[in-house]
């Protein structure tokens, strides 16, 4: 069964600022100057971190692991000059809870290789480094 198309709308309000709307209602403010909200490029990094973060939560919870917290940090390197596309990503997770390292790594691998639709919508030949630190809760 095919997924429905993703529809969003943007309304230019001033300068390089756009209000956005998604199916659930108002979306984030996007600002080309990254003052009033995230820049479009920052929004890509946020979307990648959120997509893989959601996958980790779902996979670890489905595995009945005691996930007590998750922080995600995404660092994207960019090409010089237009278009200044991403040339690499580094994602680091701080995972809180008594979860075996192997279970965390498996969740990361499943997200990257199978589930994260954002990652698979980007230039997947771009290097992606993923690391984690397990913190006891």
N, C-alpha and C. Protein backbone atom coordinates (compact mmCIF):
# COMPACT_ATOMS: atom_id res chain seq x y z
N UNK A 1 0.85 -1.18 0.00
CA UNK A 1 0.00 0.00 0.00
C UNK A 1 0.89 1.24 0.00
N UNK A 2 0.67 2.10 -0.95
CA UNK A 2 1.49 3.30 -1.10
C UNK A 2 1.19 4.33 -0.02
N UNK A 3 2.23 4.98 0.43
CA UNK A 3 2.07 6.08 1.39
C UNK A 3 1.47 7.27 0.66
N UNK A 4 0.65 8.07 1.35
CA UNK A 4 0.12 9.28 0.70
C UNK A 4 1.25 10.28 0.49
N UNK A 5 1.08 11.18 -0.46
CA UNK A 5 2.12 12.20 -0.67
C UNK A 5 2.24 13.10 0.55
N UNK A 6 3.43 13.67 0.74
CA UNK A 6 3.67 14.63 1.82
C UNK A 6 3.38 16.01 1.26
N UNK A 7 2.50 16.73 1.93
CA UNK A 7 2.16 18.08 1.49
C UNK A 7 2.45 19.05 2.62
N UNK A 8 3.17 20.10 2.30
CA UNK A 8 3.44 21.19 3.23
C UNK A 8 3.25 22.48 2.45
N UNK A 9 3.04 23.56 3.18
CA UNK A 9 2.96 24.85 2.49
C UNK A 9 3.80 25.87 3.24
N UNK A 10 4.28 26.85 2.50
CA UNK A 10 5.11 27.91 3.05
C UNK A 10 4.55 29.24 2.61
N UNK A 11 4.55 30.20 3.52
CA UNK A 11 4.08 31.55 3.22
C UNK A 11 5.19 32.53 3.57
N UNK A 12 5.69 33.24 2.58
CA UNK A 12 6.72 34.25 2.82
C UNK A 12 6.09 35.37 3.63
N UNK A 13 6.74 35.76 4.74
CA UNK A 13 6.19 36.79 5.61
C UNK A 13 7.01 38.08 5.59
N UNK A 14 8.34 37.96 5.52
CA UNK A 14 9.22 39.14 5.51
C UNK A 14 10.65 38.66 5.30
N UNK A 15 11.51 39.55 4.93
CA UNK A 15 12.94 39.23 4.75
C UNK A 15 13.08 37.86 4.10
N UNK A 16 13.75 36.92 4.76
CA UNK A 16 13.88 35.55 4.25
C UNK A 16 13.10 34.57 5.14
N UNK A 17 12.02 35.07 5.77
CA UNK A 17 11.26 34.29 6.74
C UNK A 17 10.00 33.72 6.09
N UNK A 18 9.76 32.44 6.35
CA UNK A 18 8.57 31.75 5.87
C UNK A 18 7.87 31.07 7.03
N UNK A 19 6.55 31.27 7.13
CA UNK A 19 5.74 30.46 8.03
C UNK A 19 5.41 29.18 7.27
N UNK A 20 5.31 28.09 7.98
CA UNK A 20 5.02 26.82 7.32
C UNK A 20 3.78 26.18 7.92
N UNK A 21 3.19 25.31 7.14
CA UNK A 21 2.04 24.55 7.60
C UNK A 21 2.19 23.11 7.15
N UNK A 22 1.89 22.23 8.07
CA UNK A 22 1.92 20.79 7.79
C UNK A 22 0.53 20.25 8.06
N UNK A 23 0.32 18.97 7.80
CA UNK A 23 -1.01 18.38 7.95
C UNK A 23 -1.60 18.61 9.34
N UNK A 24 -0.77 18.60 10.38
CA UNK A 24 -1.25 18.75 11.75
C UNK A 24 -1.50 20.21 12.13
N UNK A 25 -1.15 21.15 11.28
CA UNK A 25 -1.33 22.56 11.59
C UNK A 25 -0.06 23.34 11.34
N UNK A 26 0.17 24.40 12.13
CA UNK A 26 1.37 25.21 11.92
C UNK A 26 2.65 24.39 12.06
N UNK A 27 3.59 24.66 11.17
CA UNK A 27 4.89 24.01 11.23
C UNK A 27 5.93 25.00 11.73
N UNK A 28 7.18 24.64 11.65
CA UNK A 28 8.24 25.53 12.15
C UNK A 28 8.42 26.74 11.23
N UNK A 29 8.90 27.83 11.82
CA UNK A 29 9.28 29.00 11.03
C UNK A 29 10.65 28.71 10.43
N UNK A 30 10.79 28.96 9.14
CA UNK A 30 12.08 28.81 8.46
C UNK A 30 12.58 30.18 8.06
N UNK A 31 13.87 30.41 8.27
CA UNK A 31 14.47 31.72 8.00
C UNK A 31 15.81 31.51 7.32
N UNK A 32 15.94 32.03 6.11
CA UNK A 32 17.19 31.91 5.37
C UNK A 32 18.38 32.50 6.10
N UNK A 33 18.12 33.44 7.03
CA UNK A 33 19.19 34.03 7.83
C UNK A 33 19.36 33.34 9.17
N UNK A 34 18.52 32.33 9.47
CA UNK A 34 18.57 31.56 10.73
C UNK A 34 18.46 32.45 11.96
N UNK A 35 17.60 33.48 11.87
CA UNK A 35 17.38 34.37 13.00
C UNK A 35 16.01 34.10 13.62
N UNK A 36 14.96 34.15 12.81
CA UNK A 36 13.59 33.96 13.30
C UNK A 36 13.24 32.48 13.45
N UNK A 37 14.05 31.61 12.90
CA UNK A 37 13.81 30.17 12.95
C UNK A 37 14.97 29.46 12.29
N UNK A 38 14.82 28.17 12.13
CA UNK A 38 15.87 27.37 11.49
C UNK A 38 15.99 27.75 10.02
N UNK A 39 17.22 27.73 9.51
CA UNK A 39 17.41 27.92 8.08
C UNK A 39 16.96 26.65 7.37
N UNK A 40 16.69 26.70 6.07
CA UNK A 40 16.32 25.48 5.35
C UNK A 40 17.38 24.38 5.48
N UNK A 41 18.64 24.75 5.47
CA UNK A 41 19.70 23.74 5.61
C UNK A 41 19.70 23.15 7.02
N UNK A 42 19.50 24.00 8.04
CA UNK A 42 19.38 23.49 9.40
C UNK A 42 18.17 22.57 9.52
N UNK A 43 17.10 22.90 8.81
CA UNK A 43 15.90 22.06 8.84
C UNK A 43 16.19 20.66 8.29
N UNK A 44 17.05 20.57 7.30
CA UNK A 44 17.44 19.25 6.78
C UNK A 44 18.16 18.46 7.86
N UNK A 45 19.11 19.11 8.53
CA UNK A 45 19.86 18.43 9.60
C UNK A 45 18.92 18.02 10.74
N UNK A 46 17.98 18.91 11.08
CA UNK A 46 17.00 18.58 12.12
C UNK A 46 16.14 17.39 11.69
N UNK A 47 15.70 17.39 10.44
CA UNK A 47 14.86 16.30 9.95
C UNK A 47 15.61 14.97 9.98
N UNK A 48 16.89 14.98 9.60
CA UNK A 48 17.68 13.76 9.64
C UNK A 48 17.83 13.26 11.08
N UNK A 49 18.18 14.16 11.99
CA UNK A 49 18.33 13.77 13.39
C UNK A 49 17.03 13.27 13.99
N UNK A 50 15.91 13.94 13.66
CA UNK A 50 14.61 13.53 14.18
C UNK A 50 14.19 12.18 13.61
N UNK A 51 14.40 11.99 12.32
CA UNK A 51 14.01 10.73 11.68
C UNK A 51 14.75 9.55 12.30
N UNK A 52 16.06 9.67 12.41
CA UNK A 52 16.83 8.58 12.98
C UNK A 52 16.55 8.45 14.48
N UNK A 53 16.30 9.57 15.16
CA UNK A 53 15.97 9.51 16.58
C UNK A 53 14.64 8.80 16.82
N UNK A 54 13.65 9.10 15.99
CA UNK A 54 12.35 8.41 16.10
C UNK A 54 12.54 6.91 15.89
N UNK A 55 13.33 6.56 14.88
CA UNK A 55 13.59 5.14 14.64
C UNK A 55 14.22 4.47 15.85
N UNK A 56 15.21 5.12 16.45
CA UNK A 56 15.86 4.53 17.62
C UNK A 56 14.87 4.32 18.76
N UNK A 57 14.05 5.32 19.03
CA UNK A 57 13.07 5.18 20.10
C UNK A 57 12.14 4.01 19.80
N UNK A 58 11.62 3.95 18.59
CA UNK A 58 10.68 2.89 18.23
C UNK A 58 11.32 1.50 18.33
N UNK A 59 12.53 1.37 17.80
CA UNK A 59 13.21 0.07 17.79
C UNK A 59 13.56 -0.37 19.20
N UNK A 60 14.11 0.55 20.00
CA UNK A 60 14.50 0.18 21.36
C UNK A 60 13.27 -0.11 22.23
N UNK A 61 12.22 0.68 22.09
CA UNK A 61 11.00 0.42 22.85
C UNK A 61 10.35 -0.90 22.43
N UNK A 62 10.33 -1.15 21.12
CA UNK A 62 9.76 -2.41 20.62
C UNK A 62 10.56 -3.60 21.16
N UNK A 63 11.86 -3.41 21.36
CA UNK A 63 12.71 -4.45 21.94
C UNK A 63 12.59 -4.52 23.46
N UNK A 64 11.68 -3.74 24.02
CA UNK A 64 11.40 -3.72 25.46
C UNK A 64 12.61 -3.28 26.29
N UNK A 65 13.39 -2.39 25.72
CA UNK A 65 14.53 -1.83 26.46
C UNK A 65 14.05 -0.63 27.26
N UNK A 66 14.69 -0.39 28.39
CA UNK A 66 14.31 0.69 29.29
C UNK A 66 14.98 1.99 28.86
N UNK A 67 14.53 2.55 27.74
CA UNK A 67 15.06 3.81 27.24
C UNK A 67 14.52 4.93 28.13
N UNK A 68 15.43 5.65 28.77
CA UNK A 68 15.03 6.71 29.68
C UNK A 68 15.28 8.11 29.12
N UNK A 69 16.10 8.20 28.09
CA UNK A 69 16.38 9.50 27.49
C UNK A 69 17.19 9.33 26.22
N UNK A 70 17.04 10.29 25.32
CA UNK A 70 17.80 10.27 24.06
C UNK A 70 18.06 11.70 23.63
N UNK A 71 19.33 12.03 23.43
CA UNK A 71 19.73 13.31 22.85
C UNK A 71 20.42 13.01 21.54
N UNK A 72 20.16 13.83 20.55
CA UNK A 72 20.73 13.64 19.22
C UNK A 72 21.46 14.93 18.83
N UNK A 73 22.70 14.81 18.38
CA UNK A 73 23.43 15.96 17.85
C UNK A 73 23.86 15.63 16.43
N UNK A 74 23.54 16.52 15.51
CA UNK A 74 23.89 16.34 14.11
C UNK A 74 24.86 17.46 13.72
N UNK A 75 25.98 17.09 13.13
CA UNK A 75 26.91 18.06 12.56
C UNK A 75 27.03 17.74 11.08
N UNK A 76 26.72 18.72 10.27
CA UNK A 76 26.82 18.54 8.82
C UNK A 76 27.90 19.42 8.26
N UNK A 77 28.78 18.85 7.44
CA UNK A 77 29.78 19.65 6.73
C UNK A 77 29.21 19.98 5.36
N UNK A 78 29.62 21.14 4.84
CA UNK A 78 29.03 21.62 3.58
C UNK A 78 30.10 21.99 2.57
N UNK A 79 29.72 21.92 1.32
CA UNK A 79 30.60 22.31 0.22
C UNK A 79 30.78 23.83 0.24
N UNK A 80 31.93 24.29 -0.23
CA UNK A 80 32.16 25.71 -0.39
C UNK A 80 31.42 26.21 -1.62
N UNK A 81 30.76 27.32 -1.51
CA UNK A 81 30.11 27.95 -2.65
C UNK A 81 28.83 27.26 -3.07
N UNK A 82 28.07 27.97 -3.86
CA UNK A 82 26.78 27.45 -4.29
C UNK A 82 26.93 26.26 -5.25
N UNK A 83 26.13 25.25 -5.13
CA UNK A 83 25.22 25.04 -4.00
C UNK A 83 26.00 24.45 -2.83
N UNK A 84 25.83 25.00 -1.67
CA UNK A 84 26.58 24.56 -0.48
C UNK A 84 25.87 23.36 0.16
N UNK A 85 25.82 22.28 -0.61
CA UNK A 85 25.16 21.05 -0.16
C UNK A 85 25.98 20.37 0.92
N UNK A 86 25.33 19.44 1.63
CA UNK A 86 26.03 18.68 2.65
C UNK A 86 27.02 17.72 2.01
N UNK A 87 28.24 17.72 2.55
CA UNK A 87 29.26 16.79 2.07
C UNK A 87 29.52 15.67 3.07
N UNK A 88 28.92 15.77 4.23
CA UNK A 88 29.07 14.73 5.23
C UNK A 88 28.21 15.05 6.45
N UNK A 89 27.87 14.00 7.17
CA UNK A 89 27.08 14.15 8.40
C UNK A 89 27.74 13.34 9.50
N UNK A 90 27.68 13.85 10.71
CA UNK A 90 28.08 13.09 11.89
C UNK A 90 26.93 13.21 12.89
N UNK A 91 26.41 12.08 13.29
CA UNK A 91 25.32 12.06 14.26
C UNK A 91 25.83 11.38 15.51
N UNK A 92 25.56 12.00 16.65
CA UNK A 92 25.93 11.39 17.92
C UNK A 92 24.70 11.32 18.81
N UNK A 93 24.49 10.15 19.40
CA UNK A 93 23.37 9.93 20.32
C UNK A 93 23.91 9.78 21.73
N UNK A 94 23.26 10.44 22.69
CA UNK A 94 23.43 10.14 24.10
C UNK A 94 22.20 9.36 24.50
N UNK A 95 22.39 8.08 24.78
CA UNK A 95 21.28 7.18 25.10
C UNK A 95 21.31 6.91 26.60
N UNK A 96 20.23 7.23 27.28
CA UNK A 96 20.15 7.02 28.72
C UNK A 96 19.28 5.81 29.01
N UNK A 97 19.84 4.90 29.80
CA UNK A 97 19.11 3.72 30.23
C UNK A 97 20.01 2.49 30.17
N UNK A 98 19.61 1.44 30.88
CA UNK A 98 20.42 0.21 30.91
C UNK A 98 20.18 -0.65 29.66
N UNK A 99 20.70 -0.16 28.55
CA UNK A 99 20.48 -0.83 27.26
C UNK A 99 21.82 -1.35 26.76
N UNK A 100 21.88 -2.60 26.35
CA UNK A 100 23.15 -3.14 25.84
C UNK A 100 23.63 -2.35 24.61
N UNK A 101 24.93 -2.12 24.55
CA UNK A 101 25.51 -1.42 23.40
C UNK A 101 25.11 -2.07 22.08
N UNK A 102 25.05 -3.39 22.04
CA UNK A 102 24.70 -4.11 20.81
C UNK A 102 23.28 -3.75 20.36
N UNK A 103 22.38 -3.56 21.30
CA UNK A 103 21.00 -3.20 20.94
C UNK A 103 20.95 -1.79 20.38
N UNK A 104 21.74 -0.89 20.94
CA UNK A 104 21.79 0.48 20.44
C UNK A 104 22.37 0.50 19.03
N UNK A 105 23.47 -0.22 18.84
CA UNK A 105 24.11 -0.26 17.52
C UNK A 105 23.17 -0.88 16.48
N UNK A 106 22.44 -1.92 16.87
CA UNK A 106 21.49 -2.56 15.96
C UNK A 106 20.40 -1.56 15.55
N UNK A 107 19.90 -0.79 16.51
CA UNK A 107 18.87 0.20 16.20
C UNK A 107 19.41 1.27 15.25
N UNK A 108 20.64 1.70 15.48
CA UNK A 108 21.27 2.69 14.58
C UNK A 108 21.40 2.11 13.18
N UNK A 109 21.89 0.89 13.08
CA UNK A 109 22.08 0.25 11.77
C UNK A 109 20.75 0.09 11.03
N UNK A 110 19.72 -0.34 11.75
CA UNK A 110 18.40 -0.51 11.12
C UNK A 110 17.86 0.83 10.63
N UNK A 111 18.03 1.88 11.42
CA UNK A 111 17.57 3.19 11.01
C UNK A 111 18.28 3.65 9.74
N UNK A 112 19.61 3.60 9.78
CA UNK A 112 20.40 4.07 8.63
C UNK A 112 20.17 3.22 7.39
N UNK A 113 20.16 1.91 7.54
CA UNK A 113 20.15 1.03 6.38
C UNK A 113 18.75 0.73 5.86
N UNK A 114 17.72 0.85 6.71
CA UNK A 114 16.39 0.39 6.30
C UNK A 114 15.29 1.43 6.48
N UNK A 115 15.20 2.06 7.63
CA UNK A 115 13.98 2.78 7.98
C UNK A 115 13.97 4.28 7.76
N UNK A 116 15.07 4.98 7.91
CA UNK A 116 15.02 6.45 7.90
C UNK A 116 14.77 6.99 6.49
N UNK A 117 13.53 7.42 6.27
CA UNK A 117 13.15 7.92 4.95
C UNK A 117 13.87 9.23 4.62
N UNK A 118 14.20 10.03 5.63
CA UNK A 118 14.93 11.27 5.35
C UNK A 118 16.32 10.94 4.81
N UNK A 119 17.03 10.03 5.47
CA UNK A 119 18.36 9.66 5.02
C UNK A 119 18.30 9.12 3.58
N UNK A 120 17.32 8.29 3.30
CA UNK A 120 17.21 7.69 1.97
C UNK A 120 16.70 8.66 0.92
N UNK A 121 16.27 9.86 1.34
CA UNK A 121 15.85 10.90 0.41
C UNK A 121 17.00 11.86 0.09
N UNK A 122 18.08 11.77 0.84
CA UNK A 122 19.24 12.63 0.62
C UNK A 122 20.24 11.92 -0.28
N UNK A 123 21.35 12.57 -0.56
CA UNK A 123 22.43 11.96 -1.34
C UNK A 123 23.08 10.89 -0.47
N UNK A 124 22.68 9.66 -0.64
CA UNK A 124 23.15 8.60 0.25
C UNK A 124 24.61 8.23 0.01
N UNK A 125 25.23 8.78 -1.03
CA UNK A 125 26.67 8.57 -1.18
C UNK A 125 27.46 9.50 -0.26
N UNK A 126 26.77 10.45 0.36
CA UNK A 126 27.39 11.36 1.31
C UNK A 126 27.78 10.57 2.56
N UNK A 127 28.99 10.74 3.04
CA UNK A 127 29.40 10.01 4.25
C UNK A 127 28.50 10.33 5.45
N UNK A 128 28.18 9.29 6.20
CA UNK A 128 27.39 9.42 7.41
C UNK A 128 28.08 8.64 8.51
N UNK A 129 28.56 9.36 9.52
CA UNK A 129 29.18 8.73 10.68
C UNK A 129 28.20 8.81 11.83
N UNK A 130 28.00 7.69 12.50
CA UNK A 130 27.08 7.66 13.63
C UNK A 130 27.79 7.06 14.82
N UNK A 131 27.66 7.72 15.97
CA UNK A 131 28.27 7.24 17.20
C UNK A 131 27.27 7.40 18.34
N UNK A 132 27.57 6.77 19.46
CA UNK A 132 26.69 6.93 20.61
C UNK A 132 27.48 6.80 21.89
N UNK A 133 26.91 7.34 22.93
CA UNK A 133 27.41 7.18 24.29
C UNK A 133 26.22 6.67 25.10
N UNK A 134 26.42 5.59 25.83
CA UNK A 134 25.36 5.07 26.68
C UNK A 134 25.55 5.64 28.07
N UNK A 135 24.51 6.26 28.58
CA UNK A 135 24.53 6.83 29.91
C UNK A 135 23.61 6.00 30.80
N UNK A 136 24.07 5.60 31.95
CA UNK A 136 23.23 4.86 32.86
C UNK A 136 22.22 5.79 33.49
N UNK A 137 20.97 5.32 33.55
CA UNK A 137 19.88 6.16 34.06
C UNK A 137 19.71 6.08 35.54
